[in-house]
Structures are given as structure tokens and as C-alpha cells.
PDB file of N, CA and C in Angstrom:
ATOM      1  N   MET A   1       0.953  -1.229   0.065  1.00  0.00           N
ATOM      2  CA  MET A   1      -0.081   0.090  -0.086  1.00  0.00           C
ATOM      3  C   MET A   1       0.858   1.390  -0.046  1.00  0.00           C
ATOM      4  N   PRO A   2       0.797   2.081  -1.026  1.00  0.00           N
ATOM      5  CA  PRO A   2       1.503   3.439  -0.899  1.00  0.00           C
ATOM      6  C   PRO A   2       1.265   4.247   0.053  1.00  0.00           C
ATOM      7  N   GLN A   3       2.407   4.834   0.531  1.00  0.00           N
ATOM      8  CA  GLN A   3       2.270   5.993   1.820  1.00  0.00           C
ATOM      9  C   GLN A   3       1.861   7.107   1.133  1.00  0.00           C
ATOM     10  N   ALA A   4       1.166   7.867   2.016  1.00  0.00           N
ATOM     11  CA  ALA A   4       0.594   9.280   1.634  1.00  0.00           C
ATOM     12  C   ALA A   4       1.840  10.111   1.557  1.00  0.00           C
ATOM     13  N   PRO A   5       1.705  11.031   0.901  1.00  0.00           N
ATOM     14  CA  PRO A   5       2.706  12.077   0.535  1.00  0.00           C
ATOM     15  C   PRO A   5       2.836  12.804   1.725  1.00  0.00           C
ATOM     16  N   MET A   6       4.383  12.990   2.262  1.00  0.00           N
ATOM     17  CA  MET A   6       4.508  13.763   3.646  1.00  0.00           C
ATOM     18  C   MET A   6       5.093  15.029   3.609  1.00  0.00           C
ATOM     19  N   CYS A   7       4.840  15.684   4.737  1.00  0.00           N
ATOM     20  CA  CYS A   7       5.573  17.239   4.693  1.00  0.00           C
ATOM     21  C   CYS A   7       6.376  17.207   5.924  1.00  0.00           C
ATOM     22  N   ARG A   8       7.284  18.137   6.112  1.00  0.00           N
ATOM     23  CA  ARG A   8       8.154  18.380   7.242  1.00  0.00           C
ATOM     24  C   ARG A   8       7.796  19.805   7.591  1.00  0.00           C
ATOM     25  N   VAL A   9       7.811  19.959   9.129  1.00  0.00           N
ATOM     26  CA  VAL A   9       7.450  21.088   9.567  1.00  0.00           C
ATOM     27  C   VAL A   9       8.825  21.920   9.253  1.00  0.00           C
ATOM     28  N   TYR A  10       8.744  23.170   8.637  1.00  0.00           N
ATOM     29  CA  TYR A  10       9.795  24.085   8.208  1.00  0.00           C
ATOM     30  C   TYR A  10      10.488  24.503   9.595  1.00  0.00           C
ATOM     31  N   ASP A  11       9.719  25.173  10.368  1.00  0.00           N
ATOM     32  CA  ASP A  11      10.127  25.692  11.495  1.00  0.00           C
ATOM     33  C   ASP A  11       9.025  25.850  12.691  1.00  0.00           C
ATOM     34  N   ARG A  12       9.266  25.221  13.473  1.00  0.00           N
ATOM     35  CA  ARG A  12       8.263  24.993  14.700  1.00  0.00           C
ATOM     36  C   ARG A  12       8.017  26.272  15.360  1.00  0.00           C
ATOM     37  N   GLN A  13       8.963  27.227  15.486  1.00  0.00           N
ATOM     38  CA  GLN A  13       8.772  28.421  16.161  1.00  0.00           C
ATOM     39  C   GLN A  13       8.186  29.409  15.097  1.00  0.00           C
ATOM     40  N   LEU A  14       8.251  29.325  13.770  1.00  0.00           N
ATOM     41  CA  LEU A  14       7.451  29.985  12.917  1.00  0.00           C
ATOM     42  C   LEU A  14       6.058  29.724  12.913  1.00  0.00           C
ATOM     43  N   LEU A  15       5.596  28.369  13.025  1.00  0.00           N
ATOM     44  CA  LEU A  15       4.299  27.677  13.226  1.00  0.00           C
ATOM     45  C   LEU A  15       3.746  28.325  14.439  1.00  0.00           C
ATOM     46  N   ALA A  16       4.339  28.435  15.477  1.00  0.00           N
ATOM     47  CA  ALA A  16       3.925  28.947  16.593  1.00  0.00           C
ATOM     48  C   ALA A  16       3.630  30.628  16.519  1.00  0.00           C
ATOM     49  N   LYS A  17       4.481  31.322  15.783  1.00  0.00           N
ATOM     50  CA  LYS A  17       4.624  32.632  15.611  1.00  0.00           C
ATOM     51  C   LYS A  17       3.169  32.971  14.688  1.00  0.00           C
ATOM     52  N   VAL A  18       2.884  32.272  13.871  1.00  0.00           N
ATOM     53  CA  VAL A  18       2.046  32.588  12.897  1.00  0.00           C
ATOM     54  C   VAL A  18       0.546  32.267  13.430  1.00  0.00           C
ATOM     55  N   MET A  19       0.646  31.323  14.343  1.00  0.00           N
ATOM     56  CA  MET A  19      -0.714  31.086  15.259  1.00  0.00           C
ATOM     57  C   MET A  19      -1.012  32.197  16.237  1.00  0.00           C
ATOM     58  N   GLU A  20       0.087  32.939  16.390  1.00  0.00           N
ATOM     59  CA  GLU A  20      -0.218  34.318  17.325  1.00  0.00           C
ATOM     60  C   GLU A  20      -1.047  35.185  16.600  1.00  0.00           C
ATOM     61  N   ARG A  21      -1.006  35.168  15.239  1.00  0.00           N
ATOM     62  CA  ARG A  21      -1.882  36.221  14.542  1.00  0.00           C
ATOM     63  C   ARG A  21      -2.150  35.606  13.117  1.00  0.00           C
ATOM     64  N   SER A  22      -3.159  34.847  12.985  1.00  0.00           N
ATOM     65  CA  SER A  22      -3.397  33.940  11.816  1.00  0.00           C
ATOM     66  C   SER A  22      -3.931  34.857  10.603  1.00  0.00           C
ATOM     67  N   GLY A  23      -4.092  34.325   9.564  1.00  0.00           N
ATOM     68  CA  GLY A  23      -4.680  35.117   8.631  1.00  0.00           C
ATOM     69  C   GLY A  23      -5.813  35.885   8.656  1.00  0.00           C
ATOM     70  N   THR A  24      -6.752  35.713   9.674  1.00  0.00           N
ATOM     71  CA  THR A  24      -7.718  36.353  10.079  1.00  0.00           C
ATOM     72  C   THR A  24      -7.525  37.480  11.222  1.00  0.00           C
ATOM     73  N   GLY A  25      -6.163  37.462  11.484  1.00  0.00           N
ATOM     74  CA  GLY A  25      -5.798  38.413  12.665  1.00  0.00           C
ATOM     75  C   GLY A  25      -6.004  37.618  14.123  1.00  0.00           C
ATOM     76  N   ALA A  26      -6.766  36.762  14.099  1.00  0.00           N
ATOM     77  CA  ALA A  26      -7.055  36.090  15.457  1.00  0.00           C
ATOM     78  C   ALA A  26      -5.814  35.282  15.967  1.00  0.00           C
ATOM     79  N   ARG A  27      -5.832  35.137  17.236  1.00  0.00           N
ATOM     80  CA  ARG A  27      -4.850  34.081  17.928  1.00  0.00           C
ATOM     81  C   ARG A  27      -5.370  32.776  17.930  1.00  0.00           C
ATOM     82  N   LEU A  28      -4.562  31.834  17.694  1.00  0.00           N
ATOM     83  CA  LEU A  28      -5.055  30.421  17.766  1.00  0.00           C
ATOM     84  C   LEU A  28      -4.158  29.542  18.569  1.00  0.00           C
ATOM     85  N   THR A  29      -4.942  28.713  19.608  1.00  0.00           N
ATOM     86  CA  THR A  29      -4.193  28.095  20.648  1.00  0.00           C
ATOM     87  C   THR A  29      -3.976  26.728  19.796  1.00  0.00           C
ATOM     88  N   ALA A  30      -3.269  25.796  20.503  1.00  0.00           N
ATOM     89  CA  ALA A  30      -3.076  24.578  20.001  1.00  0.00           C
ATOM     90  C   ALA A  30      -4.359  23.764  19.824  1.00  0.00           C
ATOM     91  N   ARG A  31      -5.280  24.000  20.860  1.00  0.00           N
ATOM     92  CA  ARG A  31      -6.389  23.455  21.062  1.00  0.00           C
ATOM     93  C   ARG A  31      -7.431  23.929  19.999  1.00  0.00           C
ATOM     94  N   ASP A  32      -7.275  25.182  19.715  1.00  0.00           N
ATOM     95  CA  ASP A  32      -8.173  25.939  18.694  1.00  0.00           C
ATOM     96  C   ASP A  32      -7.661  25.233  17.257  1.00  0.00           C
ATOM     97  N   LEU A  33      -6.332  25.064  16.983  1.00  0.00           N
ATOM     98  CA  LEU A  33      -5.862  24.423  15.838  1.00  0.00           C
ATOM     99  C   LEU A  33      -6.205  23.162  15.725  1.00  0.00           C
ATOM    100  N   ALA A  34      -6.213  22.388  16.777  1.00  0.00           N
ATOM    101  CA  ALA A  34      -6.589  21.131  16.644  1.00  0.00           C
ATOM    102  C   ALA A  34      -8.163  20.960  16.426  1.00  0.00           C
ATOM    103  N   SER A  35      -8.900  21.558  16.897  1.00  0.00           N
ATOM    104  CA  SER A  35     -10.198  21.453  16.753  1.00  0.00           C
ATOM    105  C   SER A  35     -10.774  21.965  15.498  1.00  0.00           C
ATOM    106  N   LEU A  36     -10.154  23.065  14.834  1.00  0.00           N
ATOM    107  CA  LEU A  36     -10.427  23.535  13.428  1.00  0.00           C
ATOM    108  C   LEU A  36     -10.027  22.483  12.324  1.00  0.00           C
ATOM    109  N   THR A  37      -8.814  21.784  12.530  1.00  0.00           N
ATOM    110  CA  THR A  37      -8.401  20.775  11.624  1.00  0.00           C
ATOM    111  C   THR A  37      -8.713  19.440  11.700  1.00  0.00           C
ATOM    112  N   SER A  38      -9.373  19.277  12.852  1.00  0.00           N
ATOM    113  CA  SER A  38      -9.823  17.785  13.303  1.00  0.00           C
ATOM    114  C   SER A  38      -8.405  16.955  13.305  1.00  0.00           C
ATOM    115  N   LEU A  39      -7.666  17.571  14.025  1.00  0.00           N
ATOM    116  CA  LEU A  39      -6.502  16.797  14.389  1.00  0.00           C
ATOM    117  C   LEU A  39      -6.310  16.612  15.846  1.00  0.00           C
ATOM    118  N   PRO A  40      -5.672  15.569  16.539  1.00  0.00           N
ATOM    119  CA  PRO A  40      -5.620  15.245  17.767  1.00  0.00           C
ATOM    120  C   PRO A  40      -4.788  16.236  18.328  1.00  0.00           C
ATOM    121  N   LEU A  41      -5.126  16.884  19.482  1.00  0.00           N
ATOM    122  CA  LEU A  41      -4.348  17.986  20.226  1.00  0.00           C
ATOM    123  C   LEU A  41      -2.929  17.432  20.572  1.00  0.00           C
ATOM    124  N   GLY A  42      -2.537  16.258  20.782  1.00  0.00           N
ATOM    125  CA  GLY A  42      -1.336  15.784  20.929  1.00  0.00           C
ATOM    126  C   GLY A  42      -0.519  15.862  19.818  1.00  0.00           C
ATOM    127  N   THR A  43      -1.154  15.813  18.615  1.00  0.00           N
ATOM    128  CA  THR A  43      -0.612  15.868  17.287  1.00  0.00           C
ATOM    129  C   THR A  43       0.032  17.171  17.082  1.00  0.00           C
ATOM    130  N   VAL A  44      -0.886  18.306  17.294  1.00  0.00           N
ATOM    131  CA  VAL A  44      -0.546  19.718  17.267  1.00  0.00           C
ATOM    132  C   VAL A  44       0.588  20.116  18.348  1.00  0.00           C
ATOM    133  N   GLY A  45       0.400  19.640  19.331  1.00  0.00           N
ATOM    134  CA  GLY A  45       1.263  19.860  20.569  1.00  0.00           C
ATOM    135  C   GLY A  45       2.714  19.306  20.202  1.00  0.00           C
ATOM    136  N   ALA A  46       2.698  17.965  19.688  1.00  0.00           N
ATOM    137  CA  ALA A  46       3.869  17.292  19.282  1.00  0.00           C
ATOM    138  C   ALA A  46       4.545  18.170  17.994  1.00  0.00           C
ATOM    139  N   LEU A  47       3.967  18.785  17.164  1.00  0.00           N
ATOM    140  CA  LEU A  47       4.536  19.484  16.096  1.00  0.00           C
ATOM    141  C   LEU A  47       5.199  20.693  16.559  1.00  0.00           C
ATOM    142  N   LEU A  48       4.493  21.601  17.565  1.00  0.00           N
ATOM    143  CA  LEU A  48       4.735  22.626  18.257  1.00  0.00           C
ATOM    144  C   LEU A  48       6.111  22.509  18.976  1.00  0.00           C
ATOM    145  N   SER A  49       6.321  21.381  19.650  1.00  0.00           N
ATOM    146  CA  SER A  49       7.423  21.058  20.637  1.00  0.00           C
ATOM    147  C   SER A  49       8.447  20.478  19.842  1.00  0.00           C
ATOM    148  N   GLY A  50       8.419  19.979  18.499  1.00  0.00           N
ATOM    149  CA  GLY A  50       9.460  19.529  17.971  1.00  0.00           C
ATOM    150  C   GLY A  50       9.505  18.053  18.102  1.00  0.00           C
ATOM    151  N   GLU A  51       8.722  17.372  18.865  1.00  0.00           N
ATOM    152  CA  GLU A  51       8.628  16.047  19.035  1.00  0.00           C
ATOM    153  C   GLU A  51       8.171  15.159  17.917  1.00  0.00           C
ATOM    154  N   GLN A  52       7.347  15.751  17.017  1.00  0.00           N
ATOM    155  CA  GLN A  52       7.018  15.111  15.781  1.00  0.00           C
ATOM    156  C   GLN A  52       7.338  16.340  14.693  1.00  0.00           C
ATOM    157  N   ARG A  53       7.990  15.761  13.530  1.00  0.00           N
ATOM    158  CA  ARG A  53       8.577  16.546  12.607  1.00  0.00           C
ATOM    159  C   ARG A  53       7.719  16.409  11.104  1.00  0.00           C
ATOM    160  N   PHE A  54       7.072  15.143  11.098  1.00  0.00           N
ATOM    161  CA  PHE A  54       6.603  14.861   9.839  1.00  0.00           C
ATOM    162  C   PHE A  54       5.006  14.513   9.771  1.00  0.00           C
ATOM    163  N   LEU A  55       4.324  14.877   8.985  1.00  0.00           N
ATOM    164  CA  LEU A  55       2.858  14.747   8.879  1.00  0.00           C
ATOM    165  C   LEU A  55       2.379  14.514   7.488  1.00  0.00           C
ATOM    166  N   PRO A  56       1.133  13.632   7.211  1.00  0.00           N
ATOM    167  CA  PRO A  56       0.730  13.687   5.984  1.00  0.00           C
ATOM    168  C   PRO A  56       0.476  14.977   5.271  1.00  0.00           C
ATOM    169  N   ARG A  57       0.808  15.153   4.120  1.00  0.00           N
ATOM    170  CA  ARG A  57       0.492  16.402   3.332  1.00  0.00           C
ATOM    171  C   ARG A  57      -0.967  16.934   3.507  1.00  0.00           C
ATOM    172  N   GLU A  58      -1.988  16.035   3.431  1.00  0.00           N
ATOM    173  CA  GLU A  58      -3.245  16.436   3.532  1.00  0.00           C
ATOM    174  C   GLU A  58      -3.621  17.191   4.981  1.00  0.00           C
ATOM    175  N   LYS A  59      -2.929  16.813   5.764  1.00  0.00           N
ATOM    176  CA  LYS A  59      -3.055  17.321   7.132  1.00  0.00           C
ATOM    177  C   LYS A  59      -2.194  18.701   7.397  1.00  0.00           C
ATOM    178  N   ALA A  60      -1.211  18.780   6.858  1.00  0.00           N
ATOM    179  CA  ALA A  60      -0.411  19.915   6.778  1.00  0.00           C
ATOM    180  C   ALA A  60      -1.092  21.013   6.057  1.00  0.00           C
ATOM    181  N   GLU A  61      -1.729  20.767   4.802  1.00  0.00           N
ATOM    182  CA  GLU A  61      -2.610  21.437   4.166  1.00  0.00           C
ATOM    183  C   GLU A  61      -3.708  22.079   4.897  1.00  0.00           C
ATOM    184  N   ARG A  62      -4.490  21.228   5.748  1.00  0.00           N
ATOM    185  CA  ARG A  62      -5.498  21.722   6.692  1.00  0.00           C
ATOM    186  C   ARG A  62      -4.909  22.722   7.637  1.00  0.00           C
ATOM    187  N   ILE A  63      -3.574  22.433   8.145  1.00  0.00           N
ATOM    188  CA  ILE A  63      -3.143  23.474   9.089  1.00  0.00           C
ATOM    189  C   ILE A  63      -2.950  24.872   8.318  1.00  0.00           C
ATOM    190  N   ALA A  64      -2.319  24.742   7.061  1.00  0.00           N
ATOM    191  CA  ALA A  64      -1.912  25.809   6.540  1.00  0.00           C
ATOM    192  C   ALA A  64      -3.228  26.554   6.171  1.00  0.00           C
ATOM    193  N   GLN A  65      -4.288  25.930   5.883  1.00  0.00           N
ATOM    194  CA  GLN A  65      -5.544  26.682   5.410  1.00  0.00           C
ATOM    195  C   GLN A  65      -6.056  27.365   6.619  1.00  0.00           C
ATOM    196  N   VAL A  66      -6.229  26.752   7.623  1.00  0.00           N
ATOM    197  CA  VAL A  66      -6.944  27.188   8.979  1.00  0.00           C
ATOM    198  C   VAL A  66      -6.002  28.430   9.509  1.00  0.00           C
ATOM    199  N   ILE A  67      -4.822  28.270   9.326  1.00  0.00           N
ATOM    200  CA  ILE A  67      -3.760  29.414   9.963  1.00  0.00           C
ATOM    201  C   ILE A  67      -3.865  30.616   8.852  1.00  0.00           C
ATOM    202  N   GLY A  68      -4.044  30.369   7.520  1.00  0.00           N
ATOM    203  CA  GLY A  68      -4.341  31.393   6.572  1.00  0.00           C
ATOM    204  C   GLY A  68      -3.085  31.730   5.837  1.00  0.00           C
ATOM    205  N   VAL A  69      -2.095  30.836   5.518  1.00  0.00           N
ATOM    206  CA  VAL A  69      -0.964  30.879   4.918  1.00  0.00           C
ATOM    207  C   VAL A  69      -0.690  29.789   3.831  1.00  0.00           C
ATOM    208  N   ASP A  70       0.256  29.931   3.012  1.00  0.00           N
ATOM    209  CA  ASP A  70       0.491  28.710   1.918  1.00  0.00           C
ATOM    210  C   ASP A  70       1.126  27.784   2.588  1.00  0.00           C
ATOM    211  N   LEU A  71       1.095  26.693   2.173  1.00  0.00           N
ATOM    212  CA  LEU A  71       1.515  25.501   2.601  1.00  0.00           C
ATOM    213  C   LEU A  71       3.063  25.491   2.648  1.00  0.00           C
ATOM    214  N   LEU A  72       3.690  26.075   1.743  1.00  0.00           N
ATOM    215  CA  LEU A  72       5.259  26.242   1.644  1.00  0.00           C
ATOM    216  C   LEU A  72       5.778  27.013   2.668  1.00  0.00           C
ATOM    217  N   ILE A  73       4.941  27.876   3.473  1.00  0.00           N
ATOM    218  CA  ILE A  73       5.565  28.822   4.277  1.00  0.00           C
ATOM    219  C   ILE A  73       5.776  27.952   5.550  1.00  0.00           C
ATOM    220  N   LEU A  74       4.969  27.049   5.935  1.00  0.00           N
ATOM    221  CA  LEU A  74       5.032  26.370   7.131  1.00  0.00           C
ATOM    222  C   LEU A  74       5.884  24.783   7.003  1.00  0.00           C
ATOM    223  N   PHE A  75       5.660  24.167   5.773  1.00  0.00           N
ATOM    224  CA  PHE A  75       5.974  22.881   5.467  1.00  0.00           C
ATOM    225  C   PHE A  75       6.600  22.714   4.423  1.00  0.00           C
ATOM    226  N   VAL A  76       7.689  21.670   4.407  1.00  0.00           N
ATOM    227  CA  VAL A  76       8.398  21.138   3.120  1.00  0.00           C
ATOM    228  C   VAL A  76       8.012  19.945   2.715  1.00  0.00           C
ATOM    229  N   PRO A  77       7.424  19.717   1.396  1.00  0.00           N
ATOM    230  CA  PRO A  77       7.063  18.365   0.984  1.00  0.00           C
ATOM    231  C   PRO A  77       8.358  17.541   0.926  1.00  0.00           C
ATOM    232  N   CYS A  78       8.124  16.340   1.331  1.00  0.00           N
ATOM    233  CA  CYS A  78       9.082  15.240   1.476  1.00  0.00           C
ATOM    234  C   CYS A  78       8.809  13.969   0.569  1.00  0.00           C
ATOM    235  N   GLU A  79       9.906  13.362   0.195  1.00  0.00           N
ATOM    236  CA  GLU A  79       9.732  12.038  -0.270  1.00  0.00           C
ATOM    237  C   GLU A  79      10.332  11.076   0.308  1.00  0.00           C
ATOM    238  N   ARG A  80      10.129   9.859   0.138  1.00  0.00           N
ATOM    239  CA  ARG A  80      10.592   8.820   0.588  1.00  0.00           C
ATOM    240  C   ARG A  80      11.865   8.194   0.294  1.00  0.00           C
ATOM    241  N   ALA A  81      12.992   8.215   0.864  1.00  0.00           N
ATOM    242  CA  ALA A  81      14.151   7.618   0.245  1.00  0.00           C
ATOM    243  C   ALA A  81      14.725   6.751   1.184  1.00  0.00           C
ATOM    244  N   GLY A  82      14.590   5.271   0.847  1.00  0.00           N
ATOM    245  CA  GLY A  82      14.906   4.086   1.710  1.00  0.00           C
ATOM    246  C   GLY A  82      13.993   4.064   3.045  1.00  0.00           C
ATOM    247  N   ARG A  83      14.757   4.457   4.130  1.00  0.00           N
ATOM    248  CA  ARG A  83      13.977   4.229   5.456  1.00  0.00           C
ATOM    249  C   ARG A  83      13.869   5.754   5.957  1.00  0.00           C
ATOM    250  N   SER A  84      13.918   6.878   5.111  1.00  0.00           N
ATOM    251  CA  SER A  84      13.755   7.975   5.934  1.00  0.00           C
ATOM    252  C   SER A  84      13.194   9.034   4.717  1.00  0.00           C
ATOM    253  N   PHE A  85      12.753  10.191   5.443  1.00  0.00           N
ATOM    254  CA  PHE A  85      12.233  11.257   4.478  1.00  0.00           C
ATOM    255  C   PHE A  85      13.154  12.334   4.395  1.00  0.00           C
ATOM    256  N   VAL A  86      13.277  12.622   3.071  1.00  0.00           N
ATOM    257  CA  VAL A  86      14.047  13.780   2.636  1.00  0.00           C
ATOM    258  C   VAL A  86      13.248  14.770   1.896  1.00  0.00           C
ATOM    259  N   ASP A  87      13.769  16.087   1.970  1.00  0.00           N
ATOM    260  CA  ASP A  87      12.944  17.106   1.162  1.00  0.00           C
ATOM    261  C   ASP A  87      12.909  16.859  -0.152  1.00  0.00           C
ATOM    262  N   ALA A  88      11.780  17.118  -0.771  1.00  0.00           N
ATOM    263  CA  ALA A  88      11.659  16.844  -2.092  1.00  0.00           C
ATOM    264  C   ALA A  88      12.224  18.051  -2.865  1.00  0.00           C
ATOM    265  N   THR A  89      12.721  17.551  -4.038  1.00  0.00           N
ATOM    266  CA  THR A  89      13.639  18.851  -4.774  1.00  0.00           C
ATOM    267  C   THR A  89      12.341  19.543  -5.410  1.00  0.00           C
ATOM    268  N   ALA A  90      12.799  20.991  -5.528  1.00  0.00           N
ATOM    269  CA  ALA A  90      11.804  21.910  -6.131  1.00  0.00           C
ATOM    270  C   ALA A  90      11.749  21.614  -7.592  1.00  0.00           C
ATOM    271  N   PRO A  91      10.564  22.006  -8.240  1.00  0.00           N
ATOM    272  CA  PRO A  91      10.555  21.869  -9.703  1.00  0.00           C
ATOM    273  C   PRO A  91      11.471  22.928 -10.302  1.00  0.00           C
ATOM    274  N   THR A  92      12.320  22.585 -11.291  1.00  0.00           N
ATOM    275  CA  THR A  92      12.976  23.638 -12.093  1.00  0.00           C
ATOM    276  C   THR A  92      12.257  24.071 -13.363  1.00  0.00           C
ATOM    277  N   SER A  93      12.680  25.148 -13.660  1.00  0.00           N
ATOM    278  CA  SER A  93      12.004  25.657 -15.002  1.00  0.00           C
ATOM    279  C   SER A  93      13.203  26.065 -15.725  1.00  0.00           C
ATOM    280  N   GLU A  94      13.228  25.669 -16.986  1.00  0.00           N
ATOM    281  CA  GLU A  94      14.315  25.835 -17.863  1.00  0.00           C
ATOM    282  C   GLU A  94      13.813  27.121 -18.802  1.00  0.00           C
ATOM    283  N   ALA A  95      14.785  28.074 -18.707  1.00  0.00           N
ATOM    284  CA  ALA A  95      14.628  29.195 -19.804  1.00  0.00           C
ATOM    285  C   ALA A  95      14.416  28.863 -21.132  1.00  0.00           C
ATOM    286  N   VAL A  96      13.607  29.676 -21.751  1.00  0.00           N
ATOM    287  CA  VAL A  96      13.045  29.338 -23.097  1.00  0.00           C
ATOM    288  C   VAL A  96      13.909  30.368 -24.190  1.00  0.00           C
TER     289      VAL A  96
END
């Protein structure tokens, strides 16, 4: 069974900072974010503490949407390389 695409938290302190003033201007607590994203409070807490660094892209997208920022502000898409996740390479465009 293929594994869901994953993302890595870019900077947990940045995540906490943007939660202080979300896209609507409101402050979000960990409990608020968990409730609005339908994620367990433990998951949100683990992301903020650094205990958890990776989560499925779909969940990362929900977090970014609720906070009101683009996914790539808070998360780095990852791909599976052997037994660990590595940051996905950014697509390149060739000049014409």
C-alpha cells in the first residue's frame, strides 16, 4: 500500500508565531488549531514542541489553510528515500 505524501515542519517556532496572528488576525491556541483541523491535540502539541516533525501532506494543508498561509510557508514536501524522508527537490524551470 503506497504511503501518503508527507511534509516536514519547516520551523516550529514559525508555526507558533503565525498561530499568534493567523490570516484572520485572530490568535489560535493549540487546542483551537486541533479543533479547526480535526487533528488530535497531541499531534498539534508534538508539532509545536518538535517531538513530531513529519505529517501527511493532507493534514499539513489543513493546518496551513486554517492558519491562512500557503503550505510552503510552514511545511516542506518530502519524499521517501529508503527508510527516511528527505526534502523533495523543487521543480526547476528551463529558460526558453
